[in-house]
Amino acid sequence: MPGSGPSSWMVFMKIVEVITCSFNRFFLPRFHLLTQKYLNSDYSVAEARIIYEIYADPGISARDIVSRLQVDKGYLSRLLKKLETRNIILRTSTSEDSRLVSLSLTDEGKALAEALYLEVLCSGPLTMEQNVCLSVPTAN
């Protein structure tokens, strides 16, 4: 257990977040868990992971998400289009390279990311499958 004091607790939570995200990025694609619904939401695990990646790293590129989640570029493109249509994300071309797109969450997307996290906190004991899908975002 971390030592007393808020700074050691924040360091501990950041370590938990890094370990959880690394675990998810490695195992979710390998066990085909990205197509299942995320807890009680209308979003697939893949969509929830994309929302989380953008929430945790505003301005992330689609290329980085492909690398992190190890998903097919075409599949990611379709999911991003769906999230954009639902007003969850914004795509912005970067000034350096018009082919590179920066991704961010809309206000609605930020609220959704926080609601999905709250759903995790309020859902009570998690099943093994839900534990595999769990990500712990931190406040930015």
C-alpha atoms as a PDB file:
ATOM      1  CA  MET A   1       0.000   0.000   0.000  1.00  0.00           C
ATOM      2  CA  PRO A   2       1.363   3.436  -0.791  1.00  0.00           C
ATOM      3  CA  GLY A   3       2.689   5.661   1.995  1.00  0.00           C
ATOM      4  CA  SER A   4       0.633   8.403   3.529  1.00  0.00           C
ATOM      5  CA  GLY A   5       0.062  11.636   1.683  1.00  0.00           C
ATOM      6  CA  PRO A   6      -1.801  12.634  -1.451  1.00  0.00           C
ATOM      7  CA  SER A   7       1.263  12.648  -3.706  1.00  0.00           C
ATOM      8  CA  SER A   8       2.128   9.001  -3.042  1.00  0.00           C
ATOM      9  CA  TRP A   9      -1.526   8.053  -3.627  1.00  0.00           C
ATOM     10  CA  MET A  10      -1.526   9.854  -7.000  1.00  0.00           C
ATOM     11  CA  VAL A  11       1.703   8.094  -7.982  1.00  0.00           C
ATOM     12  CA  PHE A  12       0.167   4.760  -6.979  1.00  0.00           C
ATOM     13  CA  MET A  13      -3.002   5.466  -9.034  1.00  0.00           C
ATOM     14  CA  LYS A  14      -0.888   6.479 -12.048  1.00  0.00           C
ATOM     15  CA  ILE A  15       1.028   3.189 -11.791  1.00  0.00           C
ATOM     16  CA  VAL A  16      -2.278   1.274 -11.621  1.00  0.00           C
ATOM     17  CA  GLU A  17      -3.489   3.176 -14.692  1.00  0.00           C
ATOM     18  CA  VAL A  18      -0.332   2.424 -16.690  1.00  0.00           C
ATOM     19  CA  ILE A  19      -0.414  -1.273 -15.775  1.00  0.00           C
ATOM     20  CA  THR A  20      -4.146  -1.575 -16.526  1.00  0.00           C
ATOM     21  CA  CYS A  21      -3.845   0.200 -19.881  1.00  0.00           C
ATOM     22  CA  SER A  22      -0.828  -1.873 -20.890  1.00  0.00           C
ATOM     23  CA  PHE A  23      -2.671  -5.059 -19.954  1.00  0.00           C
ATOM     24  CA  ASN A  24      -5.766  -3.997 -21.901  1.00  0.00           C
ATOM     25  CA  ARG A  25      -3.797  -2.900 -24.958  1.00  0.00           C
ATOM     26  CA  PHE A  26      -2.099  -6.295 -25.081  1.00  0.00           C
ATOM     27  CA  PHE A  27      -4.969  -8.680 -24.221  1.00  0.00           C
ATOM     28  CA  LEU A  28      -8.178  -7.096 -25.554  1.00  0.00           C
ATOM     29  CA  PRO A  29      -7.329  -7.617 -29.234  1.00  0.00           C
ATOM     30  CA  ARG A  30      -5.943 -11.110 -28.649  1.00  0.00           C
ATOM     31  CA  PHE A  31      -9.134 -12.400 -27.012  1.00  0.00           C
ATOM     32  CA  HIS A  32     -11.469 -10.552 -29.405  1.00  0.00           C
ATOM     33  CA  LEU A  33     -13.003  -8.606 -26.521  1.00  0.00           C
ATOM     34  CA  LEU A  34     -13.162  -5.354 -28.482  1.00  0.00           C
ATOM     35  CA  THR A  35     -16.514  -6.187 -30.120  1.00  0.00           C
ATOM     36  CA  GLN A  36     -18.434  -6.838 -26.881  1.00  0.00           C
ATOM     37  CA  LYS A  37     -20.535  -4.117 -25.196  1.00  0.00           C
ATOM     38  CA  TYR A  38     -18.807  -2.147 -22.455  1.00  0.00           C
ATOM     39  CA  LEU A  39     -20.663  -2.763 -19.182  1.00  0.00           C
ATOM     40  CA  ASN A  40     -24.240  -1.431 -19.487  1.00  0.00           C
ATOM     41  CA  SER A  41     -23.512   1.117 -22.216  1.00  0.00           C
ATOM     42  CA  ASP A  42     -24.496   1.328 -25.861  1.00  0.00           C
ATOM     43  CA  TYR A  43     -20.804   1.289 -26.790  1.00  0.00           C
ATOM     44  CA  SER A  44     -18.575  -1.620 -27.690  1.00  0.00           C
ATOM     45  CA  VAL A  45     -15.403  -2.227 -25.728  1.00  0.00           C
ATOM     46  CA  ALA A  46     -13.477  -0.977 -28.782  1.00  0.00           C
ATOM     47  CA  GLU A  47     -15.457   2.268 -28.833  1.00  0.00           C
ATOM     48  CA  ALA A  48     -15.006   2.701 -25.078  1.00  0.00           C
ATOM     49  CA  ARG A  49     -11.253   2.106 -25.420  1.00  0.00           C
ATOM     50  CA  ILE A  50     -11.035   4.684 -28.214  1.00  0.00           C
ATOM     51  CA  ILE A  51     -12.976   7.173 -26.100  1.00  0.00           C
ATOM     52  CA  TYR A  52     -10.628   6.455 -23.192  1.00  0.00           C
ATOM     53  CA  GLU A  53      -7.483   6.856 -25.323  1.00  0.00           C
ATOM     54  CA  ILE A  54      -8.709  10.235 -26.567  1.00  0.00           C
ATOM     55  CA  TYR A  55      -9.792  11.262 -23.052  1.00  0.00           C
ATOM     56  CA  ALA A  56      -6.404  10.299 -21.598  1.00  0.00           C
ATOM     57  CA  ASP A  57      -4.386  11.805 -24.463  1.00  0.00           C
ATOM     58  CA  PRO A  58      -6.276  14.697 -26.146  1.00  0.00           C
ATOM     59  CA  GLY A  59      -4.970  15.322 -29.648  1.00  0.00           C
ATOM     60  CA  ILE A  60      -3.879  11.712 -30.125  1.00  0.00           C
ATOM     61  CA  SER A  61      -3.656  10.592 -33.750  1.00  0.00           C
ATOM     62  CA  ALA A  62      -5.567   7.708 -35.292  1.00  0.00           C
ATOM     63  CA  ARG A  63      -2.179   6.181 -36.121  1.00  0.00           C
ATOM     64  CA  ASP A  64      -1.300   6.129 -32.406  1.00  0.00           C
ATOM     65  CA  ILE A  65      -4.617   4.483 -31.523  1.00  0.00           C
ATOM     66  CA  VAL A  66      -4.021   1.803 -34.174  1.00  0.00           C
ATOM     67  CA  SER A  67      -0.647   1.140 -32.577  1.00  0.00           C
ATOM     68  CA  ARG A  68      -1.888   1.158 -28.989  1.00  0.00           C
ATOM     69  CA  LEU A  69      -4.993  -0.968 -29.497  1.00  0.00           C
ATOM     70  CA  GLN A  70      -3.602  -3.038 -32.362  1.00  0.00           C
ATOM     71  CA  VAL A  71      -6.759  -2.656 -34.428  1.00  0.00           C
ATOM     72  CA  ASP A  72      -7.086  -2.568 -38.188  1.00  0.00           C
ATOM     73  CA  LYS A  73      -6.887   0.933 -39.719  1.00  0.00           C
ATOM     74  CA  GLY A  74     -10.111   0.431 -41.649  1.00  0.00           C
ATOM     75  CA  TYR A  75     -11.952  -0.830 -38.553  1.00  0.00           C
ATOM     76  CA  LEU A  76     -10.711   2.144 -36.529  1.00  0.00           C
ATOM     77  CA  SER A  77     -11.738   4.525 -39.310  1.00  0.00           C
ATOM     78  CA  ARG A  78     -15.294   3.126 -39.266  1.00  0.00           C
ATOM     79  CA  LEU A  79     -15.473   3.405 -35.466  1.00  0.00           C
ATOM     80  CA  LEU A  80     -14.152   6.976 -35.541  1.00  0.00           C
ATOM     81  CA  LYS A  81     -16.738   7.919 -38.185  1.00  0.00           C
ATOM     82  CA  LYS A  82     -19.476   6.422 -35.992  1.00  0.00           C
ATOM     83  CA  LEU A  83     -18.239   8.319 -32.916  1.00  0.00           C
ATOM     84  CA  GLU A  84     -17.963  11.519 -34.940  1.00  0.00           C
ATOM     85  CA  THR A  85     -21.531  11.091 -36.249  1.00  0.00           C
ATOM     86  CA  ARG A  86     -22.721  10.629 -32.638  1.00  0.00           C
ATOM     87  CA  ASN A  87     -20.954  13.902 -31.688  1.00  0.00           C
ATOM     88  CA  ILE A  88     -18.513  12.128 -29.337  1.00  0.00           C
ATOM     89  CA  ILE A  89     -15.241  13.044 -31.076  1.00  0.00           C
ATOM     90  CA  LEU A  90     -13.811  15.776 -33.286  1.00  0.00           C
ATOM     91  CA  ARG A  91     -11.258  15.165 -36.025  1.00  0.00           C
ATOM     92  CA  THR A  92      -8.886  18.010 -36.869  1.00  0.00           C
ATOM     93  CA  SER A  93      -6.190  17.941 -39.564  1.00  0.00           C
ATOM     94  CA  THR A  94      -2.801  18.914 -38.224  1.00  0.00           C
ATOM     95  CA  SER A  95      -0.972  21.864 -39.739  1.00  0.00           C
ATOM     96  CA  GLU A  96       2.208  19.823 -40.361  1.00  0.00           C
ATOM     97  CA  ASP A  97       0.581  17.024 -42.357  1.00  0.00           C
ATOM     98  CA  SER A  98      -2.988  17.173 -43.676  1.00  0.00           C
ATOM     99  CA  ARG A  99      -3.107  13.355 -43.727  1.00  0.00           C
ATOM    100  CA  LEU A 100      -2.526  13.242 -39.961  1.00  0.00           C
ATOM    101  CA  VAL A 101      -5.687  13.773 -37.934  1.00  0.00           C
ATOM    102  CA  SER A 102      -5.766  14.933 -34.335  1.00  0.00           C
ATOM    103  CA  LEU A 103      -8.599  13.481 -32.254  1.00  0.00           C
ATOM    104  CA  SER A 104     -10.363  15.142 -29.339  1.00  0.00           C
ATOM    105  CA  LEU A 105     -13.569  14.638 -27.396  1.00  0.00           C
ATOM    106  CA  THR A 106     -16.515  16.981 -27.651  1.00  0.00           C
ATOM    107  CA  ASP A 107     -18.104  18.153 -24.398  1.00  0.00           C
ATOM    108  CA  GLU A 108     -20.602  15.333 -24.902  1.00  0.00           C
ATOM    109  CA  GLY A 109     -17.699  12.912 -25.403  1.00  0.00           C
ATOM    110  CA  LYS A 110     -15.977  14.054 -22.201  1.00  0.00           C
ATOM    111  CA  ALA A 111     -19.233  13.606 -20.285  1.00  0.00           C
ATOM    112  CA  LEU A 112     -19.591  10.130 -21.802  1.00  0.00           C
ATOM    113  CA  ALA A 113     -16.024   9.171 -20.855  1.00  0.00           C
ATOM    114  CA  GLU A 114     -16.664  10.265 -17.283  1.00  0.00           C
ATOM    115  CA  ALA A 115     -20.052   8.485 -17.209  1.00  0.00           C
ATOM    116  CA  LEU A 116     -18.458   5.235 -18.423  1.00  0.00           C
ATOM    117  CA  TYR A 117     -15.863   5.540 -15.669  1.00  0.00           C
ATOM    118  CA  LEU A 118     -18.606   6.235 -13.102  1.00  0.00           C
ATOM    119  CA  GLU A 119     -20.460   3.137 -14.349  1.00  0.00           C
ATOM    120  CA  VAL A 120     -17.344   1.108 -13.563  1.00  0.00           C
ATOM    121  CA  LEU A 121     -17.161   2.573 -10.065  1.00  0.00           C
ATOM    122  CA  CYS A 122     -20.868   2.035  -9.329  1.00  0.00           C
ATOM    123  CA  SER A 123     -21.302  -1.389 -10.886  1.00  0.00           C
ATOM    124  CA  GLY A 124     -20.244  -3.268  -7.751  1.00  0.00           C
ATOM    125  CA  PRO A 125     -18.142  -6.409  -7.968  1.00  0.00           C
ATOM    126  CA  LEU A 126     -16.950  -6.982 -11.503  1.00  0.00           C
ATOM    127  CA  THR A 127     -16.997 -10.231 -13.415  1.00  0.00           C
ATOM    128  CA  MET A 128     -13.738 -11.598 -14.811  1.00  0.00           C
ATOM    129  CA  GLU A 129     -14.713 -10.268 -18.265  1.00  0.00           C
ATOM    130  CA  GLN A 130     -15.428  -6.785 -16.896  1.00  0.00           C
ATOM    131  CA  ASN A 131     -12.112  -6.747 -15.040  1.00  0.00           C
ATOM    132  CA  VAL A 132     -10.315  -7.445 -18.312  1.00  0.00           C
ATOM    133  CA  CYS A 133     -12.147  -4.510 -19.912  1.00  0.00           C
ATOM    134  CA  LEU A 134     -11.538  -2.094 -17.041  1.00  0.00           C
ATOM    135  CA  SER A 135      -9.505   1.077 -17.555  1.00  0.00           C
ATOM    136  CA  VAL A 136      -8.933   3.641 -14.854  1.00  0.00           C
ATOM    137  CA  PRO A 137      -8.822   7.181 -16.289  1.00  0.00           C
ATOM    138  CA  THR A 138      -7.387   9.968 -14.179  1.00  0.00           C
ATOM    139  CA  ALA A 139      -8.530  13.552 -14.097  1.00  0.00           C
ATOM    140  CA  ASN A 140      -6.643  15.729 -16.577  1.00  0.00           C
END
